[in-house]
Amino acid sequence: MRPVIFASLAFAAGLSSVSSFACTTLDDYNKQISQLQANYSGTINAANKQYVDKYVPDVVFVGAPAGSYSRRYADRVAYYEAWRVKRMENWAGWEVSVNTALADYTTQSQQAYDHYLRTACVWW
């Protein structure tokens, strides 16, 4: 009779230690991934807004400036050349922001997945 009682106590102790072990449920994993996706989406939206805000030209030609045609043409070429350089710098900044956000999202989502696989509650 004693071995049966001892076995039942050992089994109960084992179950209580397993149930107290912290594990990750599928809902916890889904919440973490949803939060990562929201952060990624927010970062991309901020980068897009910043790109669009900087993309709009500062000056709009309303009429032809006084002077000869060659002067007007040279002024416009210089303006559009400066705008093109500014636009390329803006694009480079946007690309860095988006690539950083993508790399962060990829790394963090892989870490969340690896953590879920290591600590998943498979017995529930």
Protein backbone atom coordinates (compact mmCIF):
# COMPACT_ATOMS: atom_id res chain seq x y z
CA MET A 1 0.00 0.00 0.00
CA ARG A 2 2.85 2.38 0.75
CA PRO A 3 4.29 2.24 -2.79
CA VAL A 4 0.89 3.18 -4.23
CA ILE A 5 0.58 6.17 -1.89
CA PHE A 6 4.16 7.22 -2.62
CA ALA A 7 3.58 6.92 -6.37
CA SER A 8 0.41 8.98 -6.21
CA LEU A 9 2.14 11.69 -4.15
CA ALA A 10 5.09 11.77 -6.55
CA PHE A 11 2.72 12.04 -9.50
CA ALA A 12 0.80 14.90 -7.85
CA ALA A 13 4.03 16.71 -7.03
CA GLY A 14 5.15 16.30 -10.63
CA LEU A 15 1.90 17.71 -11.96
CA SER A 16 2.03 20.70 -9.66
CA SER A 17 5.60 21.49 -10.70
CA VAL A 18 4.69 21.18 -14.38
CA SER A 19 1.64 23.40 -13.97
CA SER A 20 3.70 26.07 -12.23
CA PHE A 21 6.20 26.16 -15.10
CA ALA A 22 5.81 29.37 -17.10
CA CYS A 23 4.87 28.60 -20.64
CA THR A 24 3.80 30.57 -23.69
CA THR A 25 0.34 29.99 -25.08
CA LEU A 26 -0.65 30.49 -28.68
CA ASP A 27 -2.66 33.56 -27.61
CA ASP A 28 0.46 35.09 -26.00
CA TYR A 29 2.42 34.46 -29.19
CA ASN A 30 -0.34 35.95 -31.36
CA LYS A 31 -0.51 39.05 -29.15
CA GLN A 32 3.25 39.50 -29.39
CA ILE A 33 3.24 39.12 -33.18
CA SER A 34 0.26 41.51 -33.47
CA GLN A 35 2.16 44.10 -31.42
CA LEU A 36 5.25 43.67 -33.62
CA GLN A 37 3.12 44.10 -36.74
CA ALA A 38 1.51 47.24 -35.32
CA ASN A 39 4.94 48.68 -34.49
CA TYR A 40 6.20 47.83 -37.99
CA SER A 41 3.14 49.37 -39.62
CA GLY A 42 3.49 52.53 -37.53
CA THR A 43 7.15 52.89 -38.42
CA ILE A 44 6.47 52.41 -42.14
CA ASN A 45 3.58 54.91 -42.05
CA ALA A 46 5.81 57.46 -40.30
CA ALA A 47 8.55 56.95 -42.90
CA ASN A 48 6.03 57.32 -45.73
CA LYS A 49 4.57 60.50 -44.23
CA GLN A 50 8.01 61.98 -43.75
CA TYR A 51 8.93 61.11 -47.34
CA VAL A 52 5.75 62.64 -48.75
CA ASP A 53 6.08 65.77 -46.61
CA LYS A 54 9.63 66.33 -47.85
CA TYR A 55 8.79 65.38 -51.43
CA VAL A 56 6.49 68.33 -52.03
CA PRO A 57 8.47 71.15 -53.61
CA ASP A 58 9.03 74.26 -51.54
CA VAL A 59 8.48 76.71 -54.40
CA VAL A 60 5.92 76.58 -57.17
CA PHE A 61 6.41 78.71 -60.28
CA VAL A 62 3.29 80.75 -60.84
CA GLY A 63 4.36 82.92 -63.71
CA ALA A 64 7.34 83.49 -65.93
CA PRO A 65 10.07 85.51 -64.22
CA ALA A 66 11.25 88.72 -65.84
CA GLY A 67 14.22 88.45 -68.16
CA SER A 68 15.20 86.53 -71.21
CA TYR A 69 14.19 83.00 -72.02
CA SER A 70 17.69 81.66 -71.31
CA ARG A 71 17.66 83.19 -67.82
CA ARG A 72 14.25 81.72 -67.08
CA TYR A 73 15.41 78.33 -68.33
CA ALA A 74 18.65 78.47 -66.29
CA ASP A 75 16.74 79.42 -63.12
CA ARG A 76 14.33 76.56 -63.58
CA VAL A 77 17.09 74.07 -64.34
CA ALA A 78 18.99 75.12 -61.21
CA TYR A 79 15.82 74.88 -59.12
CA TYR A 80 14.86 71.47 -60.44
CA GLU A 81 18.43 70.19 -60.10
CA ALA A 82 18.50 71.26 -56.44
CA TRP A 83 15.06 69.70 -55.97
CA ARG A 84 16.24 66.46 -57.60
CA VAL A 85 19.21 66.27 -55.20
CA LYS A 86 16.92 66.94 -52.25
CA ARG A 87 14.50 64.29 -53.50
CA MET A 88 17.28 61.70 -53.83
CA GLU A 89 18.50 62.44 -50.29
CA ASN A 90 14.93 62.14 -49.07
CA TRP A 91 14.54 58.80 -50.87
CA ALA A 92 17.78 57.53 -49.32
CA GLY A 93 16.53 58.50 -45.85
CA TRP A 94 13.21 56.76 -46.53
CA GLU A 95 14.98 53.63 -47.74
CA VAL A 96 17.13 53.49 -44.60
CA SER A 97 14.06 53.92 -42.36
CA VAL A 98 12.07 51.22 -44.14
CA ASN A 99 14.96 48.75 -44.30
CA THR A 100 15.69 49.27 -40.60
CA ALA A 101 12.03 48.72 -39.73
CA LEU A 102 11.93 45.57 -41.84
CA ALA A 103 15.12 44.20 -40.29
CA ASP A 104 13.83 44.93 -36.77
CA TYR A 105 10.49 43.30 -37.49
CA THR A 106 12.12 40.23 -39.03
CA THR A 107 14.54 39.79 -36.14
CA GLN A 108 11.96 40.36 -33.41
CA SER A 109 9.32 38.13 -35.00
CA GLN A 110 11.89 35.33 -35.41
CA GLN A 111 12.86 35.73 -31.76
CA ALA A 112 9.20 35.60 -30.73
CA TYR A 113 8.68 32.45 -32.79
CA ASP A 114 11.79 30.79 -31.36
CA HIS A 115 10.68 31.73 -27.83
CA TYR A 116 7.22 30.28 -28.50
CA LEU A 117 8.71 27.02 -29.77
CA ARG A 118 10.91 26.72 -26.68
CA THR A 119 8.23 27.56 -24.12
CA ALA A 120 4.97 26.47 -25.77
CA CYS A 121 2.35 24.86 -23.56
CA VAL A 122 2.12 21.62 -25.49
CA TRP A 123 0.34 19.68 -22.76
CA TRP A 124 -2.71 21.95 -22.60
